[in-house]
Amino acid sequence: MRGLAAWWLLPALAACAAPGAGVTAYVGASVFDGMGATIANAVVLESQGHIVQIGTRDSMEVPRGATVVPLDGRWLIPGLIDGHAHAGESTLSRYLSYGITSVRHVGGNLENLTSLRARVADGTVPGPRLYIAGETITGSPAVWPGHTVLHAPADAGPAVSRLAAAGVSQIKLYTHMTRELMEAVVQEARAHDIPVTAHLGRVDAITAGKVGVGAIEHLSGVVESTVRDPAPFFAAHENFPSGWMTFLRGWAGLDSAALDRTAGALVELGLVMVPTLIQSETYARILDTTYAKGLDLSAVTAAEQEAWNLPDLVRRYGITPADVPLLSVSRRKEDLFVRRYVARGGQIVAGSDSPNQLLAPGASLHEELALLVKAGVTPSQALIAATQAAARLLRADSIGVLRQGAVADFVVLSESPLDDIRNVRRVELVVANGRRYQPAELRR
């Protein structure tokens, strides 16, 4: 009888339960939804890691029993996505502390990354969700240890199949890929429905787009697509450091009209550009002893900063005082290209290439957003480049936006990033999968 009585009580107990049980209501903030729209005095209802409703305070009610988080005077934006990073376990919580809730990881050990991805997904390790590429694929010789080297087109099948079996989100190609090898990889990747992205060296960007590469990292290949004779640039890339600096210096000599034509051709091909302007800015200003003082390196340990070994970087890349004015002009030409690319309807995605020298996890994506605005895009366009546009590149439609049904990834800011993009740095609270994090706690 006791069990029967309890059974009869269940409907009554359910009826008494508060309708808002398990719901968190974020109330009063101005919301930027990641798609270009804003909602003033908003209510965002979250439950079980997803947004169940979003709207203005006067158009919806907070259900009885919900946990209320008052956010009057604050701004709420989608969780940021770093579109080009190499995060590791020691940096994950730091990315999250800067409001980065997803990372497009473009190159690293496949086994280590699949394990780390799983531990982040199950909550064992706090950090942004990882969309991995595994090992970068390149032609011979390898530039960095750990790359997968293809010697012939027939090598592409096994290399791509291994990555596909691990569920990678993209395949990354590197500087020593020839057109022949690139075509073989793209064909294999299409069979597995995996997008291909490239850091180019021996192939220009227009050719890569025609072959089927979907995204270009660091604006690589744009110079080679614009100059009359790209052969010297291709030859320089036989040695990576000097080849990369030849590419960066090459921007300075580009005609603006020719650059505009290249932008138009690449937009026509539908290529997504991941400019990583912050990386070029680092090379352009690395001899400026005041540059690092203006960066947020608070989440980088002294040992990590020492390991950067900036004098060795300058030596290996052959950066001299004569490069300072030249690279300054190059940076202006890169900005011009980004501005024209966006004006023509091209898609850009914000990425930081962190953690590398002077590229702090999390903070450098904030710097990238500021550089994009300085280049001529609006704060709204810059934010979209780190939210919805990045999510589209990842083929992930439930992140990078604030709408009903989306994953509850968002960042609470103390001031409007639309008034000043630098306010994206004013992070008060990070919500990832519905779980609230304090930035200071994550950095500890």
Protein backbone atom coordinates (compact mmCIF):
# COMPACT_ATOMS: atom_id res chain seq x y z
CA MET A 1 0.00 0.00 0.00
CA ARG A 2 2.81 2.37 0.83
CA GLY A 3 4.18 2.07 -2.72
CA LEU A 4 0.73 2.55 -4.21
CA ALA A 5 0.13 5.66 -2.12
CA ALA A 6 3.46 7.10 -3.25
CA TRP A 7 2.54 6.38 -6.87
CA TRP A 8 -0.73 8.31 -6.51
CA LEU A 9 1.13 11.25 -4.99
CA LEU A 10 3.48 11.70 -7.95
CA PRO A 11 1.08 13.72 -10.15
CA ALA A 12 0.27 16.02 -7.26
CA LEU A 13 3.95 16.57 -6.48
CA ALA A 14 4.67 17.28 -10.12
CA ALA A 15 1.89 19.82 -10.21
CA CYS A 16 3.40 21.56 -7.19
CA ALA A 17 6.90 21.74 -8.72
CA ALA A 18 7.92 25.21 -9.84
CA PRO A 19 7.78 25.55 -13.67
CA GLY A 20 11.18 27.21 -13.60
CA ALA A 21 13.00 24.43 -11.78
CA GLY A 22 16.35 23.87 -13.50
CA VAL A 23 16.05 27.13 -15.47
CA THR A 24 18.47 30.04 -15.15
CA ALA A 25 17.24 33.46 -16.25
CA TYR A 26 19.78 36.10 -17.27
CA VAL A 27 17.82 39.32 -17.01
CA GLY A 28 18.36 42.92 -18.09
CA ALA A 29 21.41 42.82 -20.38
CA SER A 30 21.66 44.18 -23.90
CA VAL A 31 22.20 41.14 -26.13
CA PHE A 32 24.22 40.97 -29.35
CA ASP A 33 23.00 37.76 -30.96
CA GLY A 34 26.03 36.99 -33.17
CA MET A 35 23.96 37.51 -36.32
CA GLY A 36 24.04 41.31 -36.32
CA ALA A 37 20.95 42.09 -34.21
CA THR A 38 20.71 43.45 -30.68
CA ILE A 39 18.03 42.98 -28.03
CA ALA A 40 17.75 45.69 -25.36
CA ASN A 41 16.70 44.81 -21.80
CA ALA A 42 16.70 41.12 -22.65
CA VAL A 43 15.86 37.89 -20.89
CA VAL A 44 17.79 34.73 -21.75
CA LEU A 45 16.44 31.48 -20.31
CA GLU A 46 18.89 28.59 -20.06
CA SER A 47 18.22 24.99 -19.12
CA GLN A 48 20.36 21.87 -19.44
CA GLY A 49 23.05 23.72 -21.36
CA HIS A 50 20.81 25.24 -24.03
CA ILE A 51 18.90 28.47 -24.58
CA VAL A 52 15.21 27.68 -24.24
CA GLN A 53 13.91 31.21 -24.83
CA ILE A 54 15.27 34.68 -25.54
CA GLY A 55 13.48 37.99 -25.91
CA THR A 56 12.81 41.38 -24.36
CA ARG A 57 11.89 41.63 -20.70
CA ASP A 58 8.47 43.06 -21.48
CA SER A 59 7.66 40.28 -23.98
CA MET A 60 8.29 37.23 -21.77
CA GLU A 61 8.05 36.16 -18.17
CA VAL A 62 10.67 34.58 -15.96
CA PRO A 63 9.16 31.27 -14.84
CA ARG A 64 8.49 30.81 -11.15
CA GLY A 65 11.34 29.03 -9.41
CA ALA A 66 14.01 29.94 -11.97
CA THR A 67 17.44 31.07 -10.79
CA VAL A 68 17.69 34.74 -11.70
CA VAL A 69 21.00 36.37 -12.64
CA PRO A 70 20.48 40.16 -12.87
CA LEU A 71 22.55 41.78 -15.62
CA ASP A 72 21.20 45.31 -15.83
CA GLY A 73 23.63 47.60 -17.63
CA ARG A 74 25.70 44.67 -18.96
CA TRP A 75 26.15 43.30 -22.46
CA LEU A 76 25.78 39.66 -23.42
CA ILE A 77 27.44 38.23 -26.55
CA PRO A 78 27.82 34.66 -27.88
CA GLY A 79 30.80 32.70 -26.65
CA LEU A 80 33.76 33.66 -28.81
CA ILE A 81 35.34 31.19 -31.22
CA ASP A 82 39.07 31.38 -31.89
CA GLY A 83 39.20 30.47 -35.57
CA HIS A 84 42.92 29.64 -35.61
CA ALA A 85 44.66 28.37 -32.49
CA HIS A 86 46.85 25.58 -31.15
CA ALA A 87 45.46 25.21 -27.63
CA GLY A 88 46.82 22.62 -25.23
CA GLU A 89 45.70 21.37 -21.83
CA SER A 90 47.73 24.01 -19.97
CA THR A 91 46.06 26.84 -21.88
CA LEU A 92 42.42 25.71 -22.10
CA SER A 93 41.15 27.39 -18.94
CA ARG A 94 42.90 30.59 -19.99
CA TYR A 95 41.08 30.64 -23.32
CA LEU A 96 37.80 30.16 -21.46
CA SER A 97 38.59 32.97 -19.03
CA TYR A 98 38.67 35.40 -21.98
CA GLY A 99 35.24 34.33 -23.18
CA ILE A 100 36.44 31.83 -25.78
CA THR A 101 34.10 28.86 -25.58
CA SER A 102 35.19 27.08 -28.78
CA VAL A 103 38.53 26.70 -30.55
CA ARG A 104 39.20 25.73 -34.14
CA HIS A 105 42.43 23.83 -33.55
CA VAL A 106 44.51 23.84 -36.73
CA GLY A 107 47.33 21.40 -36.21
CA GLY A 108 48.66 19.08 -33.52
CA ASN A 109 49.11 15.46 -32.46
CA LEU A 110 45.93 13.58 -33.33
CA GLU A 111 45.92 11.14 -30.42
CA ASN A 112 46.61 13.84 -27.84
CA LEU A 113 43.94 16.11 -29.29
CA THR A 114 41.22 13.47 -29.54
CA SER A 115 41.84 12.60 -25.88
CA LEU A 116 41.78 16.24 -24.84
CA ARG A 117 38.66 16.90 -26.91
CA ALA A 118 36.88 14.07 -25.11
CA ARG A 119 37.92 15.27 -21.66
CA VAL A 120 36.69 18.78 -22.39
CA ALA A 121 33.42 17.38 -23.73
CA ASP A 122 32.75 15.30 -20.61
CA GLY A 123 33.71 18.14 -18.27
CA THR A 124 36.88 16.54 -16.91
CA VAL A 125 38.94 19.49 -18.13
CA PRO A 126 37.45 23.01 -18.09
CA GLY A 127 37.94 24.69 -21.42
CA PRO A 128 36.48 25.57 -24.81
CA ARG A 129 35.19 22.74 -26.98
CA LEU A 130 37.79 21.69 -29.53
CA TYR A 131 37.29 21.35 -33.27
CA ILE A 132 40.49 19.62 -34.30
CA ALA A 133 42.47 19.07 -37.50
CA GLY A 134 45.02 16.60 -36.16
CA GLU A 135 48.40 16.60 -37.82
CA THR A 136 49.00 19.16 -40.53
CA ILE A 137 49.59 17.66 -44.00
CA THR A 138 52.43 18.99 -46.12
CA GLY A 139 54.76 18.11 -48.95
CA SER A 140 58.42 17.28 -48.56
CA PRO A 141 60.34 18.34 -46.59
CA ALA A 142 58.38 18.86 -43.38
CA VAL A 143 58.70 22.35 -41.92
CA TRP A 144 57.90 21.41 -38.34
CA PRO A 145 58.16 18.10 -36.43
CA GLY A 146 54.94 16.13 -36.33
CA HIS A 147 53.67 17.07 -39.77
CA THR A 148 52.37 14.34 -42.07
CA VAL A 149 54.51 14.43 -45.22
CA LEU A 150 53.11 13.35 -48.58
CA HIS A 151 55.63 12.30 -51.21
CA ALA A 152 53.11 11.40 -53.93
CA PRO A 153 49.37 11.84 -54.56
CA ALA A 154 48.81 8.19 -53.62
CA ASP A 155 49.84 9.06 -50.06
CA ALA A 156 46.78 11.29 -49.63
CA GLY A 157 44.25 8.48 -49.19
CA PRO A 158 45.75 6.86 -46.06
CA ALA A 159 46.56 10.24 -44.51
CA VAL A 160 43.03 11.59 -44.93
CA SER A 161 41.37 8.32 -43.91
CA ARG A 162 43.26 8.28 -40.62
CA LEU A 163 42.11 11.81 -39.80
CA ALA A 164 38.56 11.10 -40.91
CA ALA A 165 38.35 8.04 -38.66
CA ALA A 166 39.18 10.28 -35.69
CA GLY A 167 36.37 12.69 -36.54
CA VAL A 168 38.43 15.76 -37.38
CA SER A 169 36.55 18.95 -38.18
CA GLN A 170 38.96 20.13 -40.87
CA ILE A 171 42.12 19.09 -42.69
CA LYS A 172 44.99 21.55 -42.59
CA LEU A 173 47.52 21.83 -45.43
CA TYR A 174 50.89 23.52 -45.05
CA THR A 175 53.38 25.47 -47.12
CA HIS A 176 55.14 22.68 -49.00
CA MET A 177 51.99 21.31 -50.60
CA THR A 178 52.18 21.33 -54.39
CA ARG A 179 49.09 21.71 -56.54
CA GLU A 180 49.23 18.00 -57.44
CA LEU A 181 49.31 16.93 -53.80
CA MET A 182 46.66 19.48 -52.88
CA GLU A 183 44.27 18.15 -55.51
CA ALA A 184 44.74 14.61 -54.17
CA VAL A 185 44.01 15.64 -50.58
CA VAL A 186 40.95 17.69 -51.54
CA GLN A 187 39.55 14.77 -53.55
CA GLU A 188 40.00 12.38 -50.62
CA ALA A 189 38.59 14.91 -48.15
CA ARG A 190 35.47 15.37 -50.29
CA ALA A 191 34.84 11.64 -50.12
CA HIS A 192 34.73 11.99 -46.33
CA ASP A 193 32.88 15.33 -46.41
CA ILE A 194 35.67 17.12 -44.52
CA PRO A 195 36.57 20.74 -45.37
CA VAL A 196 40.15 21.61 -46.27
CA THR A 197 42.02 24.71 -45.14
CA ALA A 198 45.52 25.80 -46.07
CA HIS A 199 48.53 27.81 -45.03
CA LEU A 200 49.93 28.22 -48.53
CA GLY A 201 53.49 28.46 -49.78
CA ARG A 202 53.96 26.71 -53.12
CA VAL A 203 50.43 27.43 -54.40
CA ASP A 204 48.69 30.80 -54.76
CA ALA A 205 45.31 31.48 -53.13
CA ILE A 206 43.28 31.64 -56.36
CA THR A 207 44.65 28.30 -57.53
CA ALA A 208 43.96 26.77 -54.10
CA GLY A 209 40.37 28.00 -54.28
CA LYS A 210 39.90 26.52 -57.74
CA VAL A 211 41.30 23.20 -56.52
CA GLY A 212 38.72 23.12 -53.74
CA VAL A 213 40.39 24.48 -50.62
CA GLY A 214 37.68 26.22 -48.60
CA ALA A 215 39.62 28.51 -46.28
CA ILE A 216 42.94 30.33 -46.29
CA GLU A 217 44.98 30.87 -43.12
CA HIS A 218 47.05 34.03 -42.53
CA LEU A 219 46.05 35.51 -45.93
CA SER A 220 48.70 33.18 -47.37
CA GLY A 221 48.82 32.97 -51.14
CA VAL A 222 47.22 36.40 -51.62
CA VAL A 223 50.53 38.08 -52.50
CA GLU A 224 51.32 35.27 -54.92
CA SER A 225 47.88 35.70 -56.54
CA THR A 226 48.46 39.42 -57.00
CA VAL A 227 52.03 39.78 -58.30
CA ARG A 228 52.85 39.23 -61.96
CA ASP A 229 55.48 36.59 -61.24
CA PRO A 230 54.91 34.52 -58.07
CA ALA A 231 57.86 32.19 -58.78
CA PRO A 232 60.30 34.00 -56.43
CA PHE A 233 57.80 33.70 -53.60
CA PHE A 234 57.25 30.00 -54.24
CA ALA A 235 61.02 29.46 -54.30
CA ALA A 236 61.50 31.38 -51.06
CA HIS A 237 59.06 29.06 -49.30
CA GLU A 238 61.51 26.19 -49.69
CA ASN A 239 62.87 27.53 -46.40
CA PHE A 240 59.99 28.42 -44.12
CA PRO A 241 61.26 31.31 -41.99
CA SER A 242 62.81 33.22 -44.87
CA GLY A 243 59.92 32.30 -47.16
CA TRP A 244 57.34 33.57 -44.72
CA MET A 245 59.19 36.85 -44.28
CA THR A 246 59.50 37.20 -48.07
CA PHE A 247 55.71 36.82 -48.20
CA LEU A 248 55.14 39.41 -45.45
CA ARG A 249 57.50 41.91 -47.07
CA GLY A 250 55.82 41.28 -50.42
CA TRP A 251 52.60 42.98 -49.33
CA ALA A 252 54.36 46.34 -49.29
CA GLY A 253 54.86 46.35 -53.06
CA LEU A 254 51.31 45.44 -54.05
CA ASP A 255 49.20 47.85 -56.07
CA SER A 256 45.88 48.59 -54.37
CA ALA A 257 43.90 48.12 -57.60
CA ALA A 258 45.54 44.74 -58.19
CA LEU A 259 44.78 43.75 -54.59
CA ASP A 260 41.16 44.69 -55.11
CA ARG A 261 41.00 42.46 -58.18
CA THR A 262 42.47 39.58 -56.18
CA ALA A 263 39.91 40.16 -53.44
CA GLY A 264 37.13 40.00 -56.02
CA ALA A 265 38.46 36.77 -57.52
CA LEU A 266 38.73 35.10 -54.12
CA VAL A 267 35.26 36.24 -53.07
CA GLU A 268 33.94 34.77 -56.32
CA LEU A 269 35.50 31.43 -55.33
CA GLY A 270 33.75 31.56 -51.95
CA LEU A 271 36.93 31.29 -49.92
CA VAL A 272 36.83 32.05 -46.19
CA MET A 273 39.76 34.16 -45.02
CA VAL A 274 41.27 33.72 -41.56
CA PRO A 275 43.58 36.77 -41.59
CA THR A 276 45.32 36.41 -38.17
CA LEU A 277 46.38 40.06 -38.44
CA ILE A 278 47.73 39.82 -34.91
CA GLN A 279 50.41 37.42 -36.15
CA SER A 280 51.56 39.82 -38.87
CA GLU A 281 51.41 42.68 -36.36
CA THR A 282 53.75 40.72 -34.10
CA TYR A 283 56.38 40.31 -36.81
CA ALA A 284 56.02 43.94 -37.88
CA ARG A 285 56.54 45.25 -34.34
CA ILE A 286 58.73 42.64 -32.71
CA LEU A 287 61.76 44.99 -32.71
CA ASP A 288 59.69 47.64 -30.90
CA THR A 289 60.57 47.19 -27.23
CA THR A 290 57.36 48.99 -26.19
CA TYR A 291 55.05 46.69 -28.13
CA ALA A 292 54.83 43.89 -25.57
CA LYS A 293 54.09 46.38 -22.82
CA GLY A 294 50.79 47.20 -24.48
CA LEU A 295 49.67 43.56 -24.67
CA ASP A 296 47.70 41.66 -22.06
CA LEU A 297 50.19 38.98 -21.01
CA SER A 298 48.72 38.58 -17.53
CA ALA A 299 47.69 34.99 -18.22
CA VAL A 300 51.14 33.99 -19.52
CA THR A 301 53.62 32.71 -16.96
CA ALA A 302 57.14 34.08 -16.66
CA ALA A 303 58.52 30.70 -17.73
CA GLU A 304 56.35 30.70 -20.85
CA GLN A 305 57.45 34.20 -21.76
CA GLU A 306 61.08 33.24 -21.34
CA ALA A 307 60.55 30.17 -23.55
CA TRP A 308 59.35 32.46 -26.35
CA ASN A 309 63.00 33.46 -26.84
CA LEU A 310 62.23 36.51 -28.96
CA PRO A 311 65.88 37.21 -29.92
CA ASP A 312 66.09 33.73 -31.43
CA LEU A 313 62.84 34.32 -33.36
CA VAL A 314 64.23 37.56 -34.79
CA ARG A 315 67.44 35.77 -35.80
CA ARG A 316 65.72 32.77 -37.43
CA TYR A 317 63.27 34.91 -39.37
CA GLY A 318 65.94 37.39 -40.40
CA ILE A 319 64.05 40.47 -39.19
CA THR A 320 66.20 43.60 -39.33
CA PRO A 321 65.65 47.29 -38.50
CA ALA A 322 65.26 47.90 -42.24
CA ASP A 323 62.13 45.73 -42.13
CA VAL A 324 60.32 48.00 -39.66
CA PRO A 325 59.05 50.62 -42.17
CA LEU A 326 58.56 47.96 -44.87
CA LEU A 327 56.44 45.71 -42.66
CA SER A 328 54.46 48.72 -41.51
CA VAL A 329 53.47 49.34 -45.14
CA SER A 330 52.71 45.63 -45.53
CA ARG A 331 50.35 45.77 -42.58
CA ARG A 332 48.44 48.67 -44.18
CA LYS A 333 48.11 46.64 -47.39
CA GLU A 334 46.81 43.65 -45.44
CA ASP A 335 44.24 45.92 -43.82
CA LEU A 336 43.25 47.24 -47.23
CA PHE A 337 42.76 43.71 -48.53
CA VAL A 338 40.60 42.71 -45.55
CA ARG A 339 38.53 45.87 -45.94
CA ARG A 340 37.98 45.28 -49.65
CA TYR A 341 37.30 41.56 -49.12
CA VAL A 342 34.53 42.28 -46.63
CA ALA A 343 33.14 45.13 -48.76
CA ARG A 344 32.84 42.73 -51.69
CA GLY A 345 30.88 40.27 -49.57
CA GLY A 346 33.74 37.98 -48.60
CA GLN A 347 33.66 36.04 -45.34
CA ILE A 348 36.35 36.48 -42.70
CA VAL A 349 36.91 34.55 -39.47
CA ALA A 350 38.87 35.86 -36.49
CA GLY A 351 41.84 33.78 -35.34
CA SER A 352 44.85 34.38 -33.13
CA ASP A 353 47.47 31.67 -33.89
CA SER A 354 48.03 31.45 -30.15
CA PRO A 355 49.85 30.36 -28.13
CA ASN A 356 52.94 31.52 -29.95
CA GLN A 357 55.45 34.30 -29.32
CA LEU A 358 53.57 37.34 -27.93
CA LEU A 359 50.26 35.65 -28.82
CA ALA A 360 48.66 35.06 -25.44
CA PRO A 361 45.84 32.50 -25.18
CA GLY A 362 42.54 34.36 -25.21
CA ALA A 363 43.89 37.87 -25.04
CA SER A 364 45.32 37.73 -28.56
CA LEU A 365 41.87 37.02 -30.04
CA HIS A 366 40.68 40.22 -28.38
CA GLU A 367 43.63 41.97 -30.03
CA GLU A 368 42.66 40.42 -33.38
CA LEU A 369 39.15 41.86 -33.09
CA ALA A 370 40.61 45.31 -32.44
CA LEU A 371 42.89 44.98 -35.48
CA LEU A 372 39.97 43.94 -37.69
CA VAL A 373 38.08 47.07 -36.65
CA LYS A 374 41.20 49.15 -37.24
CA ALA A 375 41.39 47.59 -40.71
CA GLY A 376 37.96 49.00 -41.49
CA VAL A 377 35.29 46.45 -40.55
CA THR A 378 32.59 47.45 -38.07
CA PRO A 379 32.55 46.15 -34.47
CA SER A 380 29.48 44.10 -35.38
CA GLN A 381 31.29 42.53 -38.35
CA ALA A 382 34.33 41.79 -36.19
CA LEU A 383 32.17 40.09 -33.56
CA ILE A 384 30.42 38.03 -36.22
CA ALA A 385 33.87 36.95 -37.46
CA ALA A 386 34.49 35.46 -34.00
CA THR A 387 31.00 34.00 -33.55
CA GLN A 388 28.54 33.06 -36.30
CA ALA A 389 31.06 33.17 -39.18
CA ALA A 390 33.52 30.99 -37.28
CA ALA A 391 30.72 28.56 -36.42
CA ARG A 392 29.74 28.34 -40.09
CA LEU A 393 33.33 27.53 -41.01
CA LEU A 394 33.12 24.71 -38.46
CA ARG A 395 29.73 23.61 -39.82
CA ALA A 396 28.35 24.07 -36.32
CA ASP A 397 24.98 25.84 -36.30
CA SER A 398 24.31 25.65 -32.54
CA ILE A 399 27.26 27.79 -31.40
CA GLY A 400 28.29 31.36 -32.18
CA VAL A 401 24.69 32.61 -31.98
CA LEU A 402 22.18 33.44 -29.27
CA ARG A 403 18.80 32.05 -30.25
CA GLN A 404 16.32 29.47 -29.02
CA GLY A 405 17.82 25.99 -29.17
CA ALA A 406 21.44 27.16 -29.38
CA VAL A 407 24.07 25.94 -26.95
CA ALA A 408 24.21 28.18 -23.88
CA ASP A 409 27.65 29.64 -24.60
CA PHE A 410 27.84 33.35 -23.89
CA VAL A 411 29.94 36.07 -22.31
CA VAL A 412 28.83 38.87 -19.99
CA LEU A 413 30.65 42.17 -20.63
CA SER A 414 30.54 45.27 -18.47
CA GLU A 415 30.32 47.64 -21.47
CA SER A 416 29.16 47.65 -25.09
CA PRO A 417 31.51 46.04 -27.64
CA LEU A 418 29.53 47.76 -30.40
CA ASP A 419 30.49 51.18 -29.06
CA ASP A 420 34.14 50.14 -28.68
CA ILE A 421 35.38 46.70 -29.72
CA ARG A 422 37.98 46.90 -26.96
CA ASN A 423 35.16 46.40 -24.47
CA VAL A 424 35.16 42.72 -25.46
CA ARG A 425 38.03 42.52 -22.98
CA ARG A 426 35.77 43.53 -20.09
CA VAL A 427 34.66 39.99 -19.27
CA GLU A 428 32.64 39.65 -16.06
CA LEU A 429 31.23 36.15 -16.50
CA VAL A 430 31.63 33.26 -18.94
CA VAL A 431 28.87 30.71 -19.52
CA ALA A 432 29.82 27.53 -21.37
CA ASN A 433 27.30 24.74 -21.88
CA GLY A 434 25.16 26.53 -19.32
CA ARG A 435 27.85 26.42 -16.61
CA ARG A 436 28.97 29.72 -15.13
CA TYR A 437 32.67 30.55 -14.74
CA GLN A 438 34.42 33.48 -13.11
CA PRO A 439 37.45 34.60 -15.20
CA ALA A 440 39.69 35.01 -12.15
CA GLU A 441 38.95 31.48 -10.97
CA LEU A 442 39.77 30.03 -14.39
CA ARG A 443 43.12 31.82 -14.49
CA ARG A 444 44.08 30.45 -11.09
